[in-house]
């Protein structure tokens, strides 16, 4: 191989690597009535519980509104494998399960453990769904799309891969949450490094398939010792309202209790954690609340979330799904 060819190949590889990272921020949020924080007002009872194929856990709701119905693409665990199921509702409270819609393909990059923990987004008449799959100790993020929520076409390869050796997301990317602003998509996600630290980052895409990670990732760090998020962050949900970007995220302490934290930002990249956290107060969610999915409906902000009565890092929580309202505080 000649030196000229070697140099050309080196340049191509460098440019390809550079294309995967970028400096960016989100557009300025729409001006509106300001608020400093939110009060958490949950319903006392779950709205979706385990059943047949989802007999162990029902968690990770992703809710959107389409054709005068609410669609809930949620994660169900059967004791061995995580699948994605669909439930429909006219009010977001009373749900009818439609069955399992996405399962891992053991003959592909997805493996056999999980095709769930996803984020659904409506684009014109089609639903896009980014989801976590791959080996349990090295997850990546895939993409499927559907016109009716029942029949799905998967992209053949991961659309967001783990980072290179030594990076903050070297040992996996998971928990996607995607929003579209203008002609760009923004994905907030969990990244895990070789020390098993789980923190949050963001990536940007025009088409939802080819993503650029923010060079300055991670954007949200672990809390200090004894904080509710001292042992890990995950499951971000981001929206814009009241003149800011807001994020609900799951924080884990050292004994695997989980609560929701709240952060705010003016550019979607630099975040300020707000004091305190939202904890479960009912018997069914007294150890865990997690997995928020946020829908802004005019002046109303609704959150569907997972809850459990067992402090466990990943599954067998007796997981169920609840609903809450966020009430602006002046």
Protein backbone atom coordinates (compact mmCIF):
# COMPACT_ATOMS: atom_id res chain seq x y z
CA UNK A 1 0.00 0.00 0.00
CA UNK A 2 1.44 3.37 -1.00
CA UNK A 3 1.98 6.24 1.41
CA UNK A 4 -0.59 8.31 -0.51
CA UNK A 5 -3.26 5.66 -0.06
CA UNK A 6 -2.33 5.28 3.62
CA UNK A 7 -2.67 9.03 4.14
CA UNK A 8 -6.03 9.15 2.32
CA UNK A 9 -7.36 6.28 4.41
CA UNK A 10 -6.15 8.00 7.59
CA UNK A 11 -7.94 11.23 6.62
CA UNK A 12 -11.16 9.36 5.82
CA UNK A 13 -11.08 7.56 9.15
CA UNK A 14 -10.45 10.80 11.03
CA UNK A 15 -13.28 12.59 9.24
CA UNK A 16 -15.62 9.66 9.86
CA UNK A 17 -14.76 9.72 13.57
CA UNK A 18 -15.19 13.50 13.73
CA UNK A 19 -18.62 13.24 12.07
CA UNK A 20 -19.86 11.26 15.06
CA UNK A 21 -19.26 14.19 17.45
CA UNK A 22 -20.21 17.87 17.31
CA UNK A 23 -20.62 21.00 19.39
CA UNK A 24 -24.23 22.16 19.47
CA UNK A 25 -27.06 23.39 21.65
CA UNK A 26 -30.82 23.26 21.31
CA UNK A 27 -32.74 26.26 19.89
CA UNK A 28 -33.89 28.83 22.45
CA UNK A 29 -37.08 27.58 24.14
CA UNK A 30 -40.37 29.25 23.26
CA UNK A 31 -41.04 32.20 25.58
CA UNK A 32 -43.98 31.70 27.93
CA UNK A 33 -45.05 32.25 31.53
CA UNK A 34 -41.97 31.67 33.69
CA UNK A 35 -41.79 29.17 36.52
CA UNK A 36 -38.99 28.13 38.85
CA UNK A 37 -40.00 24.51 39.42
CA UNK A 38 -42.94 22.09 39.55
CA UNK A 39 -45.00 20.31 42.17
CA UNK A 40 -45.50 16.56 41.67
CA UNK A 41 -49.16 15.46 41.86
CA UNK A 42 -49.45 11.70 41.22
CA UNK A 43 -52.57 9.57 41.14
CA UNK A 44 -52.53 7.10 44.01
CA UNK A 45 -53.21 3.95 41.94
CA UNK A 46 -51.32 2.49 38.97
CA UNK A 47 -52.92 2.75 35.54
CA UNK A 48 -51.17 -0.28 33.96
CA UNK A 49 -50.20 -3.51 35.73
CA UNK A 50 -48.53 -6.85 34.86
CA UNK A 51 -50.55 -9.45 33.00
CA UNK A 52 -49.73 -12.40 30.72
CA UNK A 53 -46.57 -11.97 28.63
CA UNK A 54 -45.61 -9.02 30.87
CA UNK A 55 -46.13 -10.94 34.11
CA UNK A 56 -43.02 -9.80 36.03
CA UNK A 57 -42.75 -6.06 35.37
CA UNK A 58 -44.57 -3.32 33.47
CA UNK A 59 -42.34 -0.23 33.21
CA UNK A 60 -40.84 2.38 30.83
CA UNK A 61 -43.96 3.98 29.34
CA UNK A 62 -43.57 6.12 26.22
CA UNK A 63 -46.84 7.94 25.54
CA UNK A 64 -47.95 9.91 22.47
CA UNK A 65 -51.27 11.17 21.11
CA UNK A 66 -52.41 10.01 17.67
CA UNK A 67 -55.82 9.83 15.98
CA UNK A 68 -57.65 10.97 19.15
CA UNK A 69 -56.07 8.16 21.16
CA UNK A 70 -53.16 7.83 23.52
CA UNK A 71 -50.58 5.24 22.48
CA UNK A 72 -48.39 3.77 25.23
CA UNK A 73 -45.35 1.83 24.05
CA UNK A 74 -44.24 0.27 27.32
CA UNK A 75 -41.70 -2.33 28.46
CA UNK A 76 -42.88 -5.68 29.76
CA UNK A 77 -40.69 -8.31 31.42
CA UNK A 78 -41.66 -11.99 31.39
CA UNK A 79 -38.96 -13.10 33.84
CA UNK A 80 -36.38 -13.70 31.10
CA UNK A 81 -36.79 -11.15 28.31
CA UNK A 82 -37.89 -7.53 27.98
CA UNK A 83 -40.34 -6.83 25.14
CA UNK A 84 -42.22 -3.72 24.02
CA UNK A 85 -46.00 -3.78 24.30
CA UNK A 86 -48.75 -1.43 23.13
CA UNK A 87 -51.69 -0.11 25.15
CA UNK A 88 -54.36 2.34 23.94
CA UNK A 89 -56.48 4.84 25.87
CA UNK A 90 -58.93 7.67 25.25
CA UNK A 91 -57.98 9.54 28.43
CA UNK A 92 -54.46 8.40 29.36
CA UNK A 93 -55.76 6.69 32.50
CA UNK A 94 -57.85 3.71 31.38
CA UNK A 95 -55.71 1.54 29.12
CA UNK A 96 -56.44 -1.48 26.96
CA UNK A 97 -53.44 -3.67 26.21
CA UNK A 98 -52.97 -4.61 22.55
CA UNK A 99 -50.26 -7.21 23.06
CA UNK A 100 -46.54 -7.52 22.48
CA UNK A 101 -45.34 -5.60 19.42
CA UNK A 102 -41.51 -5.65 19.47
CA UNK A 103 -39.22 -8.41 20.72
CA UNK A 104 -35.46 -8.90 20.46
CA UNK A 105 -34.15 -10.80 17.45
CA UNK A 106 -31.59 -13.24 18.82
CA UNK A 107 -30.13 -13.75 15.34
CA UNK A 108 -29.11 -10.12 15.03
CA UNK A 109 -27.19 -7.45 16.95
CA UNK A 110 -30.13 -7.27 19.38
CA UNK A 111 -29.46 -10.56 21.14
CA UNK A 112 -32.19 -12.18 23.24
CA UNK A 113 -32.47 -10.07 26.41
CA UNK A 114 -34.16 -6.77 25.52
CA UNK A 115 -35.89 -4.72 22.83
CA UNK A 116 -37.55 -2.13 25.04
CA UNK A 117 -36.85 0.93 27.28
CA UNK A 118 -37.74 3.06 24.29
CA UNK A 119 -38.91 6.49 23.16
CA UNK A 120 -41.78 6.97 20.71
CA UNK A 121 -42.21 10.04 18.51
CA UNK A 122 -44.94 10.85 15.98
CA UNK A 123 -43.65 12.22 12.66
CA UNK A 124 -46.54 13.08 10.32
CA UNK A 125 -48.52 9.81 10.26
CA UNK A 126 -45.67 7.47 11.25
CA UNK A 127 -44.43 6.43 14.69
CA UNK A 128 -40.68 6.24 15.23
CA UNK A 129 -39.46 4.22 18.21
CA UNK A 130 -35.87 4.25 19.47
CA UNK A 131 -35.20 1.34 21.84
CA UNK A 132 -32.47 -0.38 23.81
CA UNK A 133 -31.14 -3.77 22.68
CA UNK A 134 -27.95 -5.79 22.44
CA UNK A 135 -25.98 -7.71 25.08
CA UNK A 136 -26.98 -6.99 28.66
CA UNK A 137 -23.49 -5.71 29.50
CA UNK A 138 -23.04 -3.65 26.30
CA UNK A 139 -26.40 -2.21 25.14
CA UNK A 140 -26.92 0.01 22.11
CA UNK A 141 -29.89 1.87 20.66
CA UNK A 142 -31.96 0.74 17.69
CA UNK A 143 -34.84 2.21 15.66
CA UNK A 144 -38.17 0.86 14.44
CA UNK A 145 -41.04 2.61 12.69
CA UNK A 146 -44.71 1.89 12.07
CA UNK A 147 -47.79 3.49 10.54
CA UNK A 148 -50.29 1.84 12.91
CA UNK A 149 -48.34 0.94 16.07
CA UNK A 150 -48.79 -2.78 15.46
CA UNK A 151 -46.64 -3.71 12.47
CA UNK A 152 -43.03 -2.56 12.82
CA UNK A 153 -40.01 -2.31 10.54
CA UNK A 154 -36.64 -2.33 12.28
CA UNK A 155 -33.52 -0.59 11.10
CA UNK A 156 -30.97 -3.39 10.52
CA UNK A 157 -28.21 -1.99 12.75
CA UNK A 158 -27.92 0.15 15.88
CA UNK A 159 -28.39 3.86 15.24
CA UNK A 160 -26.49 4.93 18.37
CA UNK A 161 -23.51 2.82 19.39
CA UNK A 162 -21.39 2.79 22.52
CA UNK A 163 -18.34 5.04 22.52
CA UNK A 164 -14.66 4.24 21.95
CA UNK A 165 -12.28 2.88 24.56
CA UNK A 166 -11.90 5.24 27.51
CA UNK A 167 -15.01 7.28 26.73
CA UNK A 168 -17.83 8.08 29.16
CA UNK A 169 -20.18 5.71 27.26
CA UNK A 170 -17.65 2.97 26.43
CA UNK A 171 -19.70 0.23 28.11
CA UNK A 172 -23.08 0.99 26.62
CA UNK A 173 -25.78 3.48 25.65
CA UNK A 174 -29.39 3.04 26.76
CA UNK A 175 -32.64 4.74 27.88
CA UNK A 176 -33.20 6.97 24.81
CA UNK A 177 -35.61 9.91 24.96
CA UNK A 178 -36.10 11.77 21.67
CA UNK A 179 -37.70 15.11 20.91
CA UNK A 180 -37.94 16.95 17.60
CA UNK A 181 -37.42 20.71 17.36
CA UNK A 182 -37.53 22.30 13.92
CA UNK A 183 -35.77 20.01 11.48
CA UNK A 184 -33.58 18.28 14.09
CA UNK A 185 -33.99 15.39 16.52
CA UNK A 186 -32.32 15.43 19.93
CA UNK A 187 -31.75 12.23 21.87
CA UNK A 188 -31.03 12.23 25.60
CA UNK A 189 -29.61 8.94 26.78
CA UNK A 190 -27.71 7.04 29.45
CA UNK A 191 -24.03 6.28 28.94
CA UNK A 192 -21.97 3.85 31.01
CA UNK A 193 -18.18 3.87 31.37
CA UNK A 194 -15.78 1.08 32.35
CA UNK A 195 -16.22 1.98 36.04
CA UNK A 196 -19.95 1.32 35.57
CA UNK A 197 -20.82 4.96 36.21
CA UNK A 198 -24.13 5.81 34.55
CA UNK A 199 -24.55 9.43 33.46
CA UNK A 200 -26.57 11.34 30.86
CA UNK A 201 -25.67 12.74 27.45
CA UNK A 202 -27.28 14.12 24.30
CA UNK A 203 -26.96 13.54 20.55
CA UNK A 204 -28.36 15.32 17.48
CA UNK A 205 -29.71 14.04 14.15
CA UNK A 206 -31.54 15.30 11.07
CA UNK A 207 -33.16 12.00 10.15
CA UNK A 208 -33.25 10.03 13.40
CA UNK A 209 -30.79 7.46 12.01
CA UNK A 210 -27.40 9.21 11.77
CA UNK A 211 -26.51 10.81 15.10
CA UNK A 212 -23.77 13.14 16.33
CA UNK A 213 -22.96 12.96 20.03
CA UNK A 214 -22.19 16.17 21.89
CA UNK A 215 -18.43 16.51 22.37
CA UNK A 216 -18.95 17.87 25.89
CA UNK A 217 -20.93 14.82 27.10
CA UNK A 218 -21.88 13.87 29.76
CA UNK A 219 -24.30 16.71 30.46
CA UNK A 220 -25.47 15.51 33.89
CA UNK A 221 -23.21 13.99 36.54
CA UNK A 222 -23.76 11.77 39.58
CA UNK A 223 -24.84 13.43 42.80
CA UNK A 224 -22.59 13.61 45.87
CA UNK A 225 -22.42 10.88 48.53
CA UNK A 226 -25.76 10.32 50.24
CA UNK A 227 -27.69 12.08 47.44
CA UNK A 228 -30.66 10.26 45.89
CA UNK A 229 -28.67 10.03 42.60
CA UNK A 230 -25.26 9.11 44.06
CA UNK A 231 -25.13 5.71 42.34
CA UNK A 232 -26.44 6.38 38.84
CA UNK A 233 -28.56 8.48 36.50
CA UNK A 234 -30.87 7.20 33.80
CA UNK A 235 -34.17 7.42 31.93
CA UNK A 236 -34.19 11.13 31.07
CA UNK A 237 -37.39 12.83 29.82
CA UNK A 238 -36.94 16.30 28.32
CA UNK A 239 -39.52 18.89 27.26
CA UNK A 240 -39.83 22.64 26.84
CA UNK A 241 -42.38 24.78 28.68
CA UNK A 242 -42.50 27.97 30.73
CA UNK A 243 -39.57 29.46 28.81
CA UNK A 244 -37.05 26.69 29.63
CA UNK A 245 -36.03 23.15 28.90
CA UNK A 246 -36.85 20.74 31.71
CA UNK A 247 -35.67 17.23 32.49
CA UNK A 248 -37.05 14.52 34.73
CA UNK A 249 -34.52 11.76 35.29
CA UNK A 250 -34.16 8.67 37.46
CA UNK A 251 -31.60 8.73 40.26
CA UNK A 252 -30.36 5.63 42.08
CA UNK A 253 -28.89 5.54 45.56
CA UNK A 254 -26.49 2.90 46.90
CA UNK A 255 -29.23 0.52 48.00
CA UNK A 256 -31.06 0.87 44.66
CA UNK A 257 -33.96 3.00 45.79
CA UNK A 258 -34.96 5.15 42.83
CA UNK A 259 -36.51 8.61 42.70
CA UNK A 260 -37.07 11.26 40.04
CA UNK A 261 -34.91 14.36 39.90
CA UNK A 262 -35.74 17.61 38.12
CA UNK A 263 -33.29 19.79 36.19
CA UNK A 264 -33.66 22.88 34.01
CA UNK A 265 -31.72 24.46 31.17
CA UNK A 266 -31.82 27.38 28.73
CA UNK A 267 -30.00 25.59 25.91
CA UNK A 268 -30.65 21.86 26.46
CA UNK A 269 -26.94 21.23 27.12
CA UNK A 270 -25.99 23.04 30.33
CA UNK A 271 -28.26 21.78 33.10
CA UNK A 272 -28.96 22.86 36.67
CA UNK A 273 -30.26 20.21 39.06
CA UNK A 274 -33.03 21.48 41.32
CA UNK A 275 -33.02 20.59 45.04
CA UNK A 276 -34.96 17.57 46.26
CA UNK A 277 -36.54 14.68 44.39
CA UNK A 278 -39.91 13.04 43.77
CA UNK A 279 -40.41 9.77 45.64
CA UNK A 280 -43.15 7.17 45.61
CA UNK A 281 -45.55 7.38 48.54
CA UNK A 282 -47.88 4.44 47.85
CA UNK A 283 -47.38 0.80 48.68
CA UNK A 284 -46.95 -0.16 45.01
CA UNK A 285 -44.16 2.41 44.37
CA UNK A 286 -42.58 3.00 47.79
CA UNK A 287 -39.09 1.82 46.68
CA UNK A 288 -38.93 2.95 43.08
CA UNK A 289 -40.30 5.60 40.78
CA UNK A 290 -38.56 5.82 37.42
CA UNK A 291 -38.94 5.90 33.62
CA UNK A 292 -40.82 9.20 33.08
CA UNK A 293 -42.63 10.00 29.83
CA UNK A 294 -43.85 13.59 29.51
CA UNK A 295 -46.67 14.98 27.37
CA UNK A 296 -47.38 18.73 27.26
CA UNK A 297 -51.05 19.35 26.46
CA UNK A 298 -51.64 23.11 26.44
CA UNK A 299 -51.17 24.29 30.02
CA UNK A 300 -51.21 20.73 31.35
CA UNK A 301 -48.06 18.62 31.77
CA UNK A 302 -48.70 14.93 32.34
CA UNK A 303 -46.15 12.30 33.28
CA UNK A 304 -46.48 8.55 33.01
CA UNK A 305 -43.87 6.71 35.07
CA UNK A 306 -42.80 3.33 36.37
CA UNK A 307 -43.03 2.32 40.01
CA UNK A 308 -42.10 -0.66 42.15
CA UNK A 309 -42.01 -1.93 45.73
CA UNK A 310 -38.64 -3.74 45.42
CA UNK A 311 -35.31 -1.89 45.34
CA UNK A 312 -33.59 -3.61 42.41
CA UNK A 313 -31.27 -2.17 39.74
CA UNK A 314 -33.05 -3.44 36.66
CA UNK A 315 -35.98 -5.88 36.95
CA UNK A 316 -38.33 -7.87 39.21
CA UNK A 317 -39.53 -4.67 40.90
CA UNK A 318 -43.20 -5.71 40.80
CA UNK A 319 -43.21 -2.87 38.29
CA UNK A 320 -46.39 -0.99 37.39
CA UNK A 321 -47.11 2.26 35.55
CA UNK A 322 -48.62 5.37 37.15
CA UNK A 323 -49.57 8.86 36.05
CA UNK A 324 -48.94 12.30 37.56
CA UNK A 325 -49.36 16.00 36.81
CA UNK A 326 -46.65 18.63 37.07
CA UNK A 327 -47.98 21.88 38.52
CA UNK A 328 -45.87 25.03 37.88
CA UNK A 329 -44.48 26.82 40.96
CA UNK A 330 -43.77 30.54 40.80
